[in-house]
């Protein structure tokens, strides 16, 4: 006989069990729905990312042309847009389309497929002035507008002129370490073979060859083929900069009467006039103890791998600061410092210094990144970054500013405690009644295993970041793979530019490249071996100071003038000893 109280108790326990199973089924349905939503979002992410990255890009090969010149307009699409049906009305308002061609390519990287299409137009302006190519539209994407400055038609050459060669600069006055663009322009009305131009060599200046360009020009109905060789020149000291005359040589092409006819045409030589540039010193209003930056424009921006407002104690986020300067070399841009503070540590990565070209010359870029790891929860202030630079167009001091920000770091997620299994001692039930509990224990076991694995990965990540910091300090100025310099003069100019910009890391690498150019047989030449070969106490002293600045802790700015002066005094002796030779001709390749 069963006591009524026991019946009531068993009925209540059964009802509770039924309720818990119903809740479990409801939670399971909710969890499955959430997982379905997460999987759906995960599957849609590539499509969303593709639409976000889709872009229609348009660019011209030159922003300044003369009436009668041709220029190249390239239109690129990365989201499968059909460029064949593109509305070209914004182009045809002020330009005639002479020729068009199209290409397409498919790339597969790490299983990700990307397709790009390109439409190339050869166009010529209809009138003078500042002409605007409006945005080109394809579907939901559009390009940015482009501006082209069209000057008057060039002077009519003499009727018997066949080959013209001239030099011009974009400005007659420049600040020290600022950019001057030199253009050597060859115009030919006849076919030429074996074309070459003497190599540009300028004392007390760094010379950077830019991309060669070819186009057609019509003057009074007479067609000319034009080749342009451009250089970015950075004077290293104030005063007068002399650009020597440059010489072009070639042979006129003659029609061959047979395969065995090797007759050469007459030799043609043309020379430009020498040019003089006035190099201005730093203005008196420039602040002391700051890197001198004469530029057309300078910008600074930052990116975070994780939104800083979502950081938790013990987690890491990578902060990337990008500095971009128009009319500057990458080595001239100052490094970004990540000052540590109580409870907040930085693990800096190797900086990335690159250079690219635009219609206005060289564009330098420096990218500094560091892993930020807050040790404890709290509020932290990341200080602002303020970079003064001299606007060469306006002739005034300006500043690029990355504002300070406050970040609130939350505490790490609390570790759940294991529940006490008191229900196991109440009353044994049927195997079916205890199955949900067993399933719950299994899930909790896997949860604990996941937490333990996440903790282990966190420790491994911290150790890896610490190791990377040590390696970055050890190899701060030595990239993994360094291409050999073209010649000793090129390596020397790179070294002088790094010293002029007081860039310690770039100067160390440039010094190593210069040493290897002096001793080309020593492919694995190290800096210590180079010091031993030169055997100069002065050079050893300045190298020791350079490495102390790089590898010892301290915020003192390195001054490259001592290294530059030492290298200048040693260079004639080392060149004569090693027999470093220079290539004195630059070949012209039609494009």
Protein backbone atom coordinates (compact mmCIF):
# COMPACT_ATOMS: atom_id res chain seq x y z
CA UNK A 1 0.00 0.00 0.00
CA UNK A 2 1.30 3.39 -0.99
CA UNK A 3 0.91 6.30 1.38
CA UNK A 4 -1.10 9.25 -0.07
CA UNK A 5 1.71 11.71 0.77
CA UNK A 6 4.10 9.63 -1.29
CA UNK A 7 1.64 9.64 -4.18
CA UNK A 8 1.41 13.43 -3.99
CA UNK A 9 5.17 13.76 -3.83
CA UNK A 10 5.68 11.44 -6.77
CA UNK A 11 3.01 13.29 -8.75
CA UNK A 12 4.73 16.62 -8.03
CA UNK A 13 8.12 15.21 -9.00
CA UNK A 14 6.61 13.84 -12.23
CA UNK A 15 5.03 17.22 -13.00
CA UNK A 16 8.35 18.97 -12.34
CA UNK A 17 10.11 16.46 -14.56
CA UNK A 18 7.58 17.01 -17.33
CA UNK A 19 7.97 20.79 -17.00
CA UNK A 20 11.76 20.58 -17.11
CA UNK A 21 11.63 18.33 -20.18
CA UNK A 22 9.28 20.81 -21.86
CA UNK A 23 11.63 23.67 -21.00
CA UNK A 24 14.55 21.62 -22.28
CA UNK A 25 12.73 20.98 -25.59
CA UNK A 26 11.87 24.69 -25.86
CA UNK A 27 15.48 25.69 -25.15
CA UNK A 28 16.66 23.13 -27.68
CA UNK A 29 14.31 24.58 -30.30
CA UNK A 30 15.51 28.09 -29.43
CA UNK A 31 19.16 27.03 -29.58
CA UNK A 32 18.62 25.32 -32.93
CA UNK A 33 16.90 28.44 -34.24
CA UNK A 34 19.78 30.60 -33.05
CA UNK A 35 22.28 28.21 -34.60
CA UNK A 36 20.35 28.24 -37.87
CA UNK A 37 20.47 32.05 -37.83
CA UNK A 38 24.19 32.02 -37.09
CA UNK A 39 24.85 29.53 -39.90
CA UNK A 40 22.73 31.60 -42.29
CA UNK A 41 24.68 34.73 -41.35
CA UNK A 42 27.95 32.84 -41.76
CA UNK A 43 26.93 31.68 -45.25
CA UNK A 44 25.90 35.20 -46.22
CA UNK A 45 29.13 36.80 -44.98
CA UNK A 46 31.12 36.12 -48.20
CA UNK A 47 28.33 37.66 -50.27
CA UNK A 48 28.12 40.68 -47.96
CA UNK A 49 31.89 41.07 -47.97
CA UNK A 50 32.00 40.79 -51.76
CA UNK A 51 29.35 43.48 -52.17
CA UNK A 52 31.16 45.69 -49.66
CA UNK A 53 34.50 45.29 -51.46
CA UNK A 54 33.02 45.63 -54.95
CA UNK A 55 34.32 48.77 -56.57
CA UNK A 56 34.51 50.43 -59.95
CA UNK A 57 37.87 52.16 -60.24
CA UNK A 58 38.93 54.61 -62.94
CA UNK A 59 42.33 56.22 -63.36
CA UNK A 60 44.36 58.03 -66.02
CA UNK A 61 48.07 57.65 -66.65
CA UNK A 62 48.64 61.45 -66.57
CA UNK A 63 46.74 64.34 -65.01
CA UNK A 64 48.48 67.07 -67.04
CA UNK A 65 48.52 66.91 -70.83
CA UNK A 66 48.72 69.25 -73.79
CA UNK A 67 45.98 69.74 -76.37
CA UNK A 68 46.56 67.12 -79.04
CA UNK A 69 48.07 64.54 -76.66
CA UNK A 70 46.57 61.14 -76.00
CA UNK A 71 46.17 59.64 -72.56
CA UNK A 72 45.19 56.24 -71.20
CA UNK A 73 42.01 55.75 -69.15
CA UNK A 74 41.77 52.43 -67.29
CA UNK A 75 38.44 51.28 -65.82
CA UNK A 76 38.62 48.25 -63.49
CA UNK A 77 35.79 46.20 -61.95
CA UNK A 78 36.10 43.47 -59.31
CA UNK A 79 32.50 42.29 -58.87
CA UNK A 80 31.75 40.88 -62.31
CA UNK A 81 30.29 44.11 -63.77
CA UNK A 82 29.76 44.07 -67.53
CA UNK A 83 32.05 46.84 -68.72
CA UNK A 84 30.96 46.31 -72.33
CA UNK A 85 27.65 48.04 -71.60
CA UNK A 86 29.21 50.82 -69.51
CA UNK A 87 27.80 54.28 -70.21
CA UNK A 88 30.79 56.37 -71.36
CA UNK A 89 28.88 59.66 -71.65
CA UNK A 90 30.92 61.26 -68.79
CA UNK A 91 34.08 60.59 -70.83
CA UNK A 92 32.75 61.70 -74.21
CA UNK A 93 31.67 65.14 -72.98
CA UNK A 94 35.21 66.53 -73.26
CA UNK A 95 37.25 63.68 -74.79
CA UNK A 96 37.30 61.70 -78.00
CA UNK A 97 37.75 57.94 -77.68
CA UNK A 98 40.38 56.81 -80.19
CA UNK A 99 40.74 53.17 -79.23
CA UNK A 100 39.41 50.66 -76.72
CA UNK A 101 40.46 47.24 -75.46
CA UNK A 102 39.33 44.95 -72.63
CA UNK A 103 40.84 42.19 -70.51
CA UNK A 104 39.64 39.88 -67.75
CA UNK A 105 41.34 37.62 -65.23
CA UNK A 106 40.36 35.10 -62.56
CA UNK A 107 42.46 34.49 -59.44
CA UNK A 108 42.01 31.72 -56.88
CA UNK A 109 43.87 32.29 -53.61
CA UNK A 110 43.32 29.95 -50.64
CA UNK A 111 40.18 28.65 -52.26
CA UNK A 112 38.73 32.15 -52.70
CA UNK A 113 37.85 33.04 -56.29
CA UNK A 114 38.09 36.62 -57.47
CA UNK A 115 37.42 38.02 -60.92
CA UNK A 116 38.58 41.34 -62.33
CA UNK A 117 37.77 43.04 -65.61
CA UNK A 118 39.46 46.02 -67.19
CA UNK A 119 38.45 48.39 -69.97
CA UNK A 120 41.27 50.51 -71.44
CA UNK A 121 40.45 53.62 -73.45
CA UNK A 122 42.87 55.77 -75.42
CA UNK A 123 41.39 59.27 -75.33
CA UNK A 124 42.35 62.78 -76.41
CA UNK A 125 40.95 66.10 -75.06
CA UNK A 126 38.72 68.30 -77.19
CA UNK A 127 39.58 71.60 -75.52
CA UNK A 128 41.91 73.28 -73.01
CA UNK A 129 41.19 73.82 -69.35
CA UNK A 130 40.49 71.75 -66.26
CA UNK A 131 38.37 68.92 -67.63
CA UNK A 132 36.35 66.57 -65.44
CA UNK A 133 35.56 62.94 -66.14
CA UNK A 134 32.43 62.35 -64.10
CA UNK A 135 31.63 59.18 -62.14
CA UNK A 136 31.11 56.06 -64.26
CA UNK A 137 28.19 53.91 -63.11
CA UNK A 138 27.74 50.16 -63.42
CA UNK A 139 24.86 48.70 -61.44
CA UNK A 140 25.19 49.74 -57.80
CA UNK A 141 28.85 50.76 -58.07
CA UNK A 142 30.37 53.95 -59.35
CA UNK A 143 33.86 55.36 -59.81
CA UNK A 144 35.29 58.55 -58.39
CA UNK A 145 35.51 61.61 -60.67
CA UNK A 146 38.84 62.39 -62.34
CA UNK A 147 40.32 65.79 -63.20
CA UNK A 148 42.68 66.35 -66.12
CA UNK A 149 44.47 69.64 -66.74
CA UNK A 150 44.80 70.32 -70.48
CA UNK A 151 47.32 72.95 -71.48
CA UNK A 152 47.85 74.71 -74.80
CA UNK A 153 49.20 72.72 -77.74
CA UNK A 154 53.00 72.47 -77.89
CA UNK A 155 54.98 74.78 -80.08
CA UNK A 156 55.18 73.79 -83.70
CA UNK A 157 58.61 72.25 -84.33
CA UNK A 158 60.61 73.10 -87.38
CA UNK A 159 59.41 71.50 -90.58
CA UNK A 160 62.61 69.46 -90.93
CA UNK A 161 62.72 68.36 -87.28
CA UNK A 162 62.60 64.60 -86.83
CA UNK A 163 63.68 64.12 -83.20
CA UNK A 164 63.24 66.49 -80.23
CA UNK A 165 64.64 66.00 -76.72
CA UNK A 166 63.89 68.38 -73.84
CA UNK A 167 63.91 68.55 -70.04
CA UNK A 168 61.56 70.36 -67.68
CA UNK A 169 60.92 70.54 -63.92
CA UNK A 170 57.64 71.12 -62.11
CA UNK A 171 59.08 73.93 -59.96
CA UNK A 172 62.12 76.19 -59.84
CA UNK A 173 62.20 76.46 -56.01
CA UNK A 174 61.96 73.62 -53.50
CA UNK A 175 62.57 73.11 -49.79
CA UNK A 176 65.45 70.93 -48.70
CA UNK A 177 64.43 67.23 -48.79
CA UNK A 178 61.34 68.21 -50.76
CA UNK A 179 60.39 66.69 -54.10
CA UNK A 180 61.18 68.07 -57.55
CA UNK A 181 59.83 66.26 -60.61
CA UNK A 182 62.13 66.17 -63.61
CA UNK A 183 60.68 65.06 -66.96
CA UNK A 184 62.85 64.13 -69.94
CA UNK A 185 60.64 64.18 -73.03
CA UNK A 186 61.59 62.56 -76.34
CA UNK A 187 59.47 63.33 -79.42
CA UNK A 188 60.12 61.39 -82.59
CA UNK A 189 58.55 61.60 -86.03
CA UNK A 190 60.66 58.73 -87.44
CA UNK A 191 61.34 55.19 -86.29
CA UNK A 192 64.42 54.81 -84.09
CA UNK A 193 66.58 51.90 -82.95
CA UNK A 194 69.00 51.50 -80.01
CA UNK A 195 67.58 54.40 -78.02
CA UNK A 196 69.34 55.31 -74.77
CA UNK A 197 69.62 58.20 -72.34
CA UNK A 198 72.54 58.96 -70.03
CA UNK A 199 71.93 58.11 -66.40
CA UNK A 200 70.97 61.06 -64.24
CA UNK A 201 73.59 61.71 -61.56
CA UNK A 202 73.23 64.65 -59.18
CA UNK A 203 75.45 65.38 -56.21
CA UNK A 204 73.81 66.11 -52.85
CA UNK A 205 70.43 64.78 -53.95
CA UNK A 206 68.54 61.50 -53.89
CA UNK A 207 67.18 60.51 -57.31
CA UNK A 208 64.27 58.08 -57.67
CA UNK A 209 63.39 56.93 -61.22
CA UNK A 210 59.65 56.83 -61.87
CA UNK A 211 57.60 54.96 -64.43
CA UNK A 212 58.24 55.69 -68.11
CA UNK A 213 55.23 56.68 -70.21
CA UNK A 214 54.55 56.67 -73.95
CA UNK A 215 51.76 58.38 -75.86
CA UNK A 216 50.95 60.06 -79.18
CA UNK A 217 50.82 63.77 -79.93
CA UNK A 218 49.45 65.62 -82.93
CA UNK A 219 50.89 69.06 -83.74
CA UNK A 220 49.34 70.87 -86.72
CA UNK A 221 48.21 67.57 -88.16
CA UNK A 222 51.66 65.97 -87.84
CA UNK A 223 51.79 62.85 -85.62
CA UNK A 224 54.58 62.38 -83.06
CA UNK A 225 55.44 59.49 -80.77
CA UNK A 226 56.34 60.81 -77.31
CA UNK A 227 58.31 59.03 -74.55
CA UNK A 228 58.63 60.53 -71.06
CA UNK A 229 61.18 59.58 -68.41
CA UNK A 230 60.39 61.02 -64.99
CA UNK A 231 62.51 61.34 -61.88
CA UNK A 232 61.66 62.37 -58.32
CA UNK A 233 64.61 64.40 -56.98
CA UNK A 234 65.07 65.15 -53.26
CA UNK A 235 67.82 67.75 -52.53
CA UNK A 236 69.81 66.98 -49.39
CA UNK A 237 71.13 70.46 -48.65
CA UNK A 238 70.00 74.04 -49.22
CA UNK A 239 71.57 76.26 -51.85
CA UNK A 240 71.65 75.74 -55.60
CA UNK A 241 70.96 72.39 -57.20
CA UNK A 242 72.41 71.85 -60.67
CA UNK A 243 70.71 69.33 -62.96
CA UNK A 244 73.26 68.54 -65.68
CA UNK A 245 72.42 68.26 -69.37
CA UNK A 246 71.14 64.85 -70.43
CA UNK A 247 72.01 63.23 -73.76
CA UNK A 248 69.83 61.02 -75.94
CA UNK A 249 71.28 58.84 -78.68
CA UNK A 250 69.70 56.51 -81.24
CA UNK A 251 69.93 55.37 -84.83
CA UNK A 252 67.30 56.06 -87.42
CA UNK A 253 65.58 52.90 -88.61
CA UNK A 254 66.02 52.11 -92.30
CA UNK A 255 63.88 49.76 -94.32
CA UNK A 256 65.75 46.50 -94.99
CA UNK A 257 65.76 45.21 -98.51
CA UNK A 258 66.48 41.63 -97.38
CA UNK A 259 67.05 39.53 -94.28
CA UNK A 260 70.81 39.88 -94.79
CA UNK A 261 70.74 43.66 -95.04
CA UNK A 262 72.38 44.98 -91.85
CA UNK A 263 72.68 48.62 -92.87
CA UNK A 264 72.40 51.01 -89.90
CA UNK A 265 70.84 54.42 -90.15
CA UNK A 266 72.57 57.64 -89.15
CA UNK A 267 73.40 58.19 -85.48
CA UNK A 268 71.29 60.87 -83.82
CA UNK A 269 72.29 62.68 -80.62
CA UNK A 270 70.31 65.30 -78.77
CA UNK A 271 71.06 67.04 -75.46
CA UNK A 272 68.92 69.04 -73.06
CA UNK A 273 69.80 72.33 -71.45
CA UNK A 274 71.14 72.21 -67.86
CA UNK A 275 68.64 73.31 -65.21
CA UNK A 276 69.10 75.14 -61.91
CA UNK A 277 66.87 74.71 -58.84
CA UNK A 278 66.88 76.97 -55.79
CA UNK A 279 66.82 74.84 -52.63
CA UNK A 280 65.33 76.62 -49.61
CA UNK A 281 66.32 75.77 -46.01
CA UNK A 282 63.90 74.79 -43.28
CA UNK A 283 61.71 77.74 -42.28
CA UNK A 284 62.49 79.42 -38.96
CA UNK A 285 58.95 78.67 -37.80
CA UNK A 286 59.55 74.92 -37.95
CA UNK A 287 59.40 73.36 -34.43
CA UNK A 288 62.66 71.99 -33.08
CA UNK A 289 63.28 68.30 -32.31
CA UNK A 290 60.73 67.13 -34.88
CA UNK A 291 61.22 65.30 -38.17
CA UNK A 292 61.27 67.72 -41.11
CA UNK A 293 58.47 66.73 -43.54
CA UNK A 294 57.97 68.91 -46.65
CA UNK A 295 55.00 67.41 -48.50
CA UNK A 296 52.03 68.14 -50.73
CA UNK A 297 49.77 66.36 -48.28
CA UNK A 298 50.11 64.14 -45.22
CA UNK A 299 47.45 61.97 -43.61
CA UNK A 300 47.33 59.64 -40.62
CA UNK A 301 44.69 57.02 -39.82
CA UNK A 302 44.27 53.99 -37.59
CA UNK A 303 42.55 50.62 -37.75
CA UNK A 304 41.66 48.12 -35.03
CA UNK A 305 41.32 44.37 -35.50
CA UNK A 306 38.72 44.38 -32.71
CA UNK A 307 36.57 47.38 -31.72
CA UNK A 308 38.41 48.78 -28.67
CA UNK A 309 35.15 49.29 -26.77
CA UNK A 310 34.65 45.50 -26.82
CA UNK A 311 37.98 44.62 -25.21
CA UNK A 312 38.12 42.43 -22.12
CA UNK A 313 41.00 42.04 -19.70
CA UNK A 314 43.51 39.51 -21.01
CA UNK A 315 42.35 39.79 -24.63
CA UNK A 316 44.45 41.34 -27.40
CA UNK A 317 43.65 43.69 -30.26
CA UNK A 318 45.95 44.89 -33.03
CA UNK A 319 46.16 48.64 -33.56
CA UNK A 320 47.49 49.72 -36.97
CA UNK A 321 48.57 53.31 -37.65
CA UNK A 322 49.10 54.30 -41.29
CA UNK A 323 50.96 57.49 -42.31
CA UNK A 324 50.83 58.55 -45.96
CA UNK A 325 52.78 61.47 -47.42
CA UNK A 326 52.53 62.85 -50.97
CA UNK A 327 55.90 64.04 -52.24
CA UNK A 328 57.83 62.07 -49.59
CA UNK A 329 59.84 58.90 -49.51
CA UNK A 330 58.66 56.16 -47.22
CA UNK A 331 61.93 56.38 -45.26
CA UNK A 332 61.24 60.04 -44.43
CA UNK A 333 58.06 59.30 -42.48
CA UNK A 334 58.46 59.16 -38.69
CA UNK A 335 57.76 55.99 -36.69
CA UNK A 336 54.68 55.69 -34.51
CA UNK A 337 55.47 55.12 -30.83
CA UNK A 338 53.21 53.01 -28.64
CA UNK A 339 53.98 54.15 -25.07
CA UNK A 340 53.13 51.52 -22.46
CA UNK A 341 51.11 52.48 -19.39
CA UNK A 342 50.11 50.79 -16.18
CA UNK A 343 47.89 47.82 -16.98
CA UNK A 344 48.26 48.20 -20.75
CA UNK A 345 51.03 46.63 -22.80
CA UNK A 346 52.00 46.92 -26.47
CA UNK A 347 53.80 44.33 -28.57
CA UNK A 348 54.98 46.19 -31.73
CA UNK A 349 55.33 44.43 -35.05
CA UNK A 350 57.84 45.04 -37.85
CA UNK A 351 57.02 48.37 -39.62
CA UNK A 352 56.08 48.31 -43.30
CA UNK A 353 57.62 51.10 -45.39
CA UNK A 354 56.47 51.33 -49.01
CA UNK A 355 56.36 53.79 -51.89
CA UNK A 356 53.99 54.20 -54.81
CA UNK A 357 53.55 56.62 -57.70
CA UNK A 358 50.89 59.10 -58.64
CA UNK A 359 50.58 61.75 -61.29
CA UNK A 360 52.26 64.16 -58.85
CA UNK A 361 55.26 61.98 -58.08
CA UNK A 362 56.19 59.75 -55.18
CA UNK A 363 53.82 58.75 -52.36
CA UNK A 364 55.47 57.32 -49.24
CA UNK A 365 53.66 55.18 -46.69
CA UNK A 366 54.62 53.82 -43.29
CA UNK A 367 52.48 51.30 -41.39
CA UNK A 368 53.18 50.59 -37.72
CA UNK A 369 51.13 48.01 -35.86
CA UNK A 370 51.18 46.63 -32.33
CA UNK A 371 49.18 44.11 -30.34
CA UNK A 372 47.50 45.81 -27.37
CA UNK A 373 46.86 43.63 -24.30
CA UNK A 374 45.09 45.11 -21.22
CA UNK A 375 46.05 43.21 -18.07
CA UNK A 376 43.18 44.42 -15.89
CA UNK A 377 39.78 45.96 -16.42
CA UNK A 378 39.41 49.73 -16.27
CA UNK A 379 39.43 52.92 -18.30
CA UNK A 380 42.50 53.72 -20.39
CA UNK A 381 43.43 56.77 -22.40
CA UNK A 382 45.31 56.28 -25.66
CA UNK A 383 47.16 59.54 -26.33
CA UNK A 384 46.81 61.48 -29.57
CA UNK A 385 49.39 61.36 -32.34
CA UNK A 386 50.32 64.75 -33.74
CA UNK A 387 52.69 65.03 -36.73
CA UNK A 388 53.76 68.49 -37.95
CA UNK A 389 54.47 68.83 -41.69
CA UNK A 390 55.25 71.66 -44.06
CA UNK A 391 52.72 72.26 -46.84
CA UNK A 392 54.87 72.92 -49.92
CA UNK A 393 51.87 74.18 -51.92
CA UNK A 394 50.69 76.77 -49.37
CA UNK A 395 54.06 77.40 -47.74
CA UNK A 396 52.77 76.97 -44.20
CA UNK A 397 53.07 74.71 -41.16
CA UNK A 398 50.28 72.16 -40.76
CA UNK A 399 49.61 69.17 -38.50
CA UNK A 400 48.15 65.73 -39.07
CA UNK A 401 46.36 64.61 -35.92
CA UNK A 402 45.03 61.27 -34.76
CA UNK A 403 42.77 62.18 -31.81
CA UNK A 404 43.13 60.57 -28.40
CA UNK A 405 40.54 58.03 -27.39
CA UNK A 406 39.21 56.57 -24.16
CA UNK A 407 38.66 52.83 -24.04
CA UNK A 408 36.74 50.97 -21.37
CA UNK A 409 38.09 47.45 -20.78
CA UNK A 410 35.60 45.13 -19.13
CA UNK A 411 36.50 42.34 -16.77
CA UNK A 412 37.10 38.87 -18.13
CA UNK A 413 34.09 36.58 -18.25
CA UNK A 414 33.43 34.91 -14.87
CA UNK A 415 34.28 31.21 -14.72
CA UNK A 416 31.11 29.17 -14.01
CA UNK A 417 31.18 26.96 -10.94
CA UNK A 418 30.25 23.28 -11.14
CA UNK A 419 26.67 22.69 -9.91
CA UNK A 420 26.18 20.42 -6.84
CA UNK A 421 24.50 17.19 -7.88
CA UNK A 422 22.17 16.98 -4.82
CA UNK A 423 19.28 15.54 -6.81
CA UNK A 424 21.18 12.30 -7.28
CA UNK A 425 20.58 11.41 -3.59
CA UNK A 426 16.85 12.15 -3.51
CA UNK A 427 15.44 9.00 -4.93
CA UNK A 428 16.56 6.76 -7.74
CA UNK A 429 14.26 6.80 -10.70
CA UNK A 430 13.98 5.00 -13.95
CA UNK A 431 16.76 5.19 -16.51
CA UNK A 432 14.51 7.33 -18.70
CA UNK A 433 14.10 9.86 -15.88
CA UNK A 434 17.84 10.42 -15.39
CA UNK A 435 18.76 10.64 -19.06
CA UNK A 436 18.37 14.46 -19.29
CA UNK A 437 20.67 14.94 -16.32
CA UNK A 438 23.30 12.74 -17.92
CA UNK A 439 23.00 14.74 -21.12
CA UNK A 440 23.38 17.97 -19.12
CA UNK A 441 26.50 16.64 -17.39
CA UNK A 442 27.97 15.73 -20.77
CA UNK A 443 27.34 19.22 -22.09
CA UNK A 444 28.91 20.76 -18.98
CA UNK A 445 31.94 18.50 -19.41
CA UNK A 446 32.40 19.71 -22.98
CA UNK A 447 31.91 23.30 -21.80
CA UNK A 448 34.73 22.88 -19.29
CA UNK A 449 36.93 21.34 -21.92
CA UNK A 450 36.26 24.28 -24.24
CA UNK A 451 37.10 26.78 -21.49
CA UNK A 452 40.35 24.95 -20.75
CA UNK A 453 41.28 24.90 -24.46
CA UNK A 454 40.53 28.63 -24.79
CA UNK A 455 42.72 29.38 -21.77
CA UNK A 456 45.57 27.33 -23.24
CA UNK A 457 45.28 29.15 -26.56
CA UNK A 458 45.35 32.48 -24.71
CA UNK A 459 48.63 31.56 -23.00
CA UNK A 460 50.10 30.37 -26.30
CA UNK A 461 49.06 33.65 -27.97
CA UNK A 462 50.68 35.70 -25.20
CA UNK A 463 53.91 33.71 -25.52
CA UNK A 464 53.89 34.10 -29.28
CA UNK A 465 53.40 37.88 -29.03
CA UNK A 466 56.24 38.11 -26.52
CA UNK A 467 58.54 36.13 -28.83
CA UNK A 468 57.56 38.29 -31.80
CA UNK A 469 58.39 41.43 -29.84
CA UNK A 470 61.87 40.12 -29.08
CA UNK A 471 62.41 39.17 -32.70
CA UNK A 472 61.15 42.57 -33.89
CA UNK A 473 63.62 44.33 -31.59
CA UNK A 474 66.45 42.10 -32.75
CA UNK A 475 65.67 42.54 -36.44
CA UNK A 476 64.15 46.01 -36.25
CA UNK A 477 65.92 47.25 -39.33
CA UNK A 478 66.51 44.05 -41.27
CA UNK A 479 63.68 42.76 -43.48
CA UNK A 480 63.37 39.04 -44.02
CA UNK A 481 64.33 39.31 -47.67
CA UNK A 482 66.29 42.29 -48.95
CA UNK A 483 66.76 42.75 -52.68
CA UNK A 484 70.28 43.73 -53.74
CA UNK A 485 70.64 47.36 -54.81
CA UNK A 486 70.94 48.17 -58.51
CA UNK A 487 74.38 49.75 -58.06
CA UNK A 488 76.58 51.47 -55.53
CA UNK A 489 75.26 54.92 -56.36
CA UNK A 490 71.66 53.85 -55.83
CA UNK A 491 72.48 52.25 -52.47
CA UNK A 492 74.45 55.33 -51.40
CA UNK A 493 71.52 57.63 -52.23
CA UNK A 494 69.16 55.42 -50.23
CA UNK A 495 71.51 55.66 -47.26
CA UNK A 496 71.76 59.45 -47.51
CA UNK A 497 67.98 59.76 -47.69
CA UNK A 498 67.52 57.61 -44.58
CA UNK A 499 70.12 59.67 -42.70
CA UNK A 500 68.52 62.92 -43.81
CA UNK A 501 65.18 61.73 -42.45
CA UNK A 502 66.83 60.46 -39.21
CA UNK A 503 65.21 57.05 -39.73
CA UNK A 504 67.41 54.68 -37.72
CA UNK A 505 65.92 51.39 -38.96
CA UNK A 506 66.00 52.37 -42.62
CA UNK A 507 69.53 53.77 -42.23
CA UNK A 508 70.84 50.50 -40.80
CA UNK A 509 69.39 48.48 -43.68
CA UNK A 510 70.61 51.02 -46.26
CA UNK A 511 74.09 50.93 -44.74
CA UNK A 512 74.11 47.15 -45.05
CA UNK A 513 72.92 47.38 -48.70
CA UNK A 514 75.63 49.93 -49.45
CA UNK A 515 78.29 47.67 -47.96
CA UNK A 516 77.07 44.74 -50.07
CA UNK A 517 77.18 46.90 -53.21
CA UNK A 518 80.83 47.70 -52.45
CA UNK A 519 81.61 43.99 -51.94
CA UNK A 520 79.28 42.21 -54.41
CA UNK A 521 81.16 38.93 -53.97
CA UNK A 522 80.15 38.79 -50.29
CA UNK A 523 76.46 37.92 -50.59
CA UNK A 524 76.03 37.22 -46.89
CA UNK A 525 77.97 40.27 -45.74
CA UNK A 526 76.91 41.28 -42.23
CA UNK A 527 77.24 44.68 -40.64
CA UNK A 528 79.98 43.51 -38.28
CA UNK A 529 81.94 42.05 -41.21
CA UNK A 530 81.52 45.33 -43.10
CA UNK A 531 82.92 47.25 -40.11
CA UNK A 532 85.89 44.92 -40.00
CA UNK A 533 86.60 45.36 -43.71
CA UNK A 534 86.39 49.16 -43.60
CA UNK A 535 88.50 49.34 -40.42
CA UNK A 536 87.41 52.85 -39.44
CA UNK A 537 87.10 53.86 -35.80
CA UNK A 538 84.73 56.70 -36.72
CA UNK A 539 82.42 54.37 -38.64
CA UNK A 540 82.42 51.84 -35.79
CA UNK A 541 81.45 54.57 -33.34
CA UNK A 542 78.48 55.86 -35.36
CA UNK A 543 77.27 52.30 -36.02
CA UNK A 544 77.39 51.53 -32.29
CA UNK A 545 75.30 54.64 -31.58
CA UNK A 546 72.84 53.63 -34.29
CA UNK A 547 72.38 50.12 -32.87
CA UNK A 548 72.09 51.43 -29.31
CA UNK A 549 69.24 53.65 -30.45
CA UNK A 550 67.56 50.73 -32.20
CA UNK A 551 67.94 47.96 -29.66
CA UNK A 552 68.27 49.72 -26.30
CA UNK A 553 65.18 51.01 -24.54
CA UNK A 554 64.85 54.77 -24.80
CA UNK A 555 62.86 57.49 -26.56
CA UNK A 556 65.78 59.66 -27.72
CA UNK A 557 65.56 60.55 -31.40
CA UNK A 558 68.46 59.40 -33.57
CA UNK A 559 70.37 62.01 -35.58
CA UNK A 560 71.64 60.70 -38.92
CA UNK A 561 74.00 63.59 -39.72
CA UNK A 562 77.03 61.91 -38.11
CA UNK A 563 76.59 58.70 -40.10
CA UNK A 564 76.00 60.65 -43.33
CA UNK A 565 79.17 62.72 -42.84
CA UNK A 566 81.22 59.63 -42.04
CA UNK A 567 80.01 57.75 -45.11
CA UNK A 568 80.64 60.76 -47.37
CA UNK A 569 84.26 60.98 -46.22
CA UNK A 570 84.87 57.23 -46.59
CA UNK A 571 83.09 56.75 -49.92
CA UNK A 572 85.88 57.81 -52.37
CA UNK A 573 88.41 55.52 -50.71
CA UNK A 574 86.02 52.55 -50.53
CA UNK A 575 84.90 52.99 -54.13
CA UNK A 576 88.44 53.03 -55.44
CA UNK A 577 89.31 50.01 -53.31
CA UNK A 578 86.34 47.92 -54.44
CA UNK A 579 86.19 49.17 -58.04
CA UNK A 580 82.46 49.85 -57.91
CA UNK A 581 81.26 50.58 -61.43
CA UNK A 582 78.21 52.47 -62.57
CA UNK A 583 75.89 51.85 -65.46
CA UNK A 584 75.91 55.13 -67.41
CA UNK A 585 73.04 54.56 -69.81
CA UNK A 586 69.32 54.12 -69.41
CA UNK A 587 67.49 52.16 -72.07
CA UNK A 588 64.17 53.33 -73.41
CA UNK A 589 61.43 50.74 -73.76
CA UNK A 590 58.32 51.74 -75.69
CA UNK A 591 55.06 50.84 -73.96
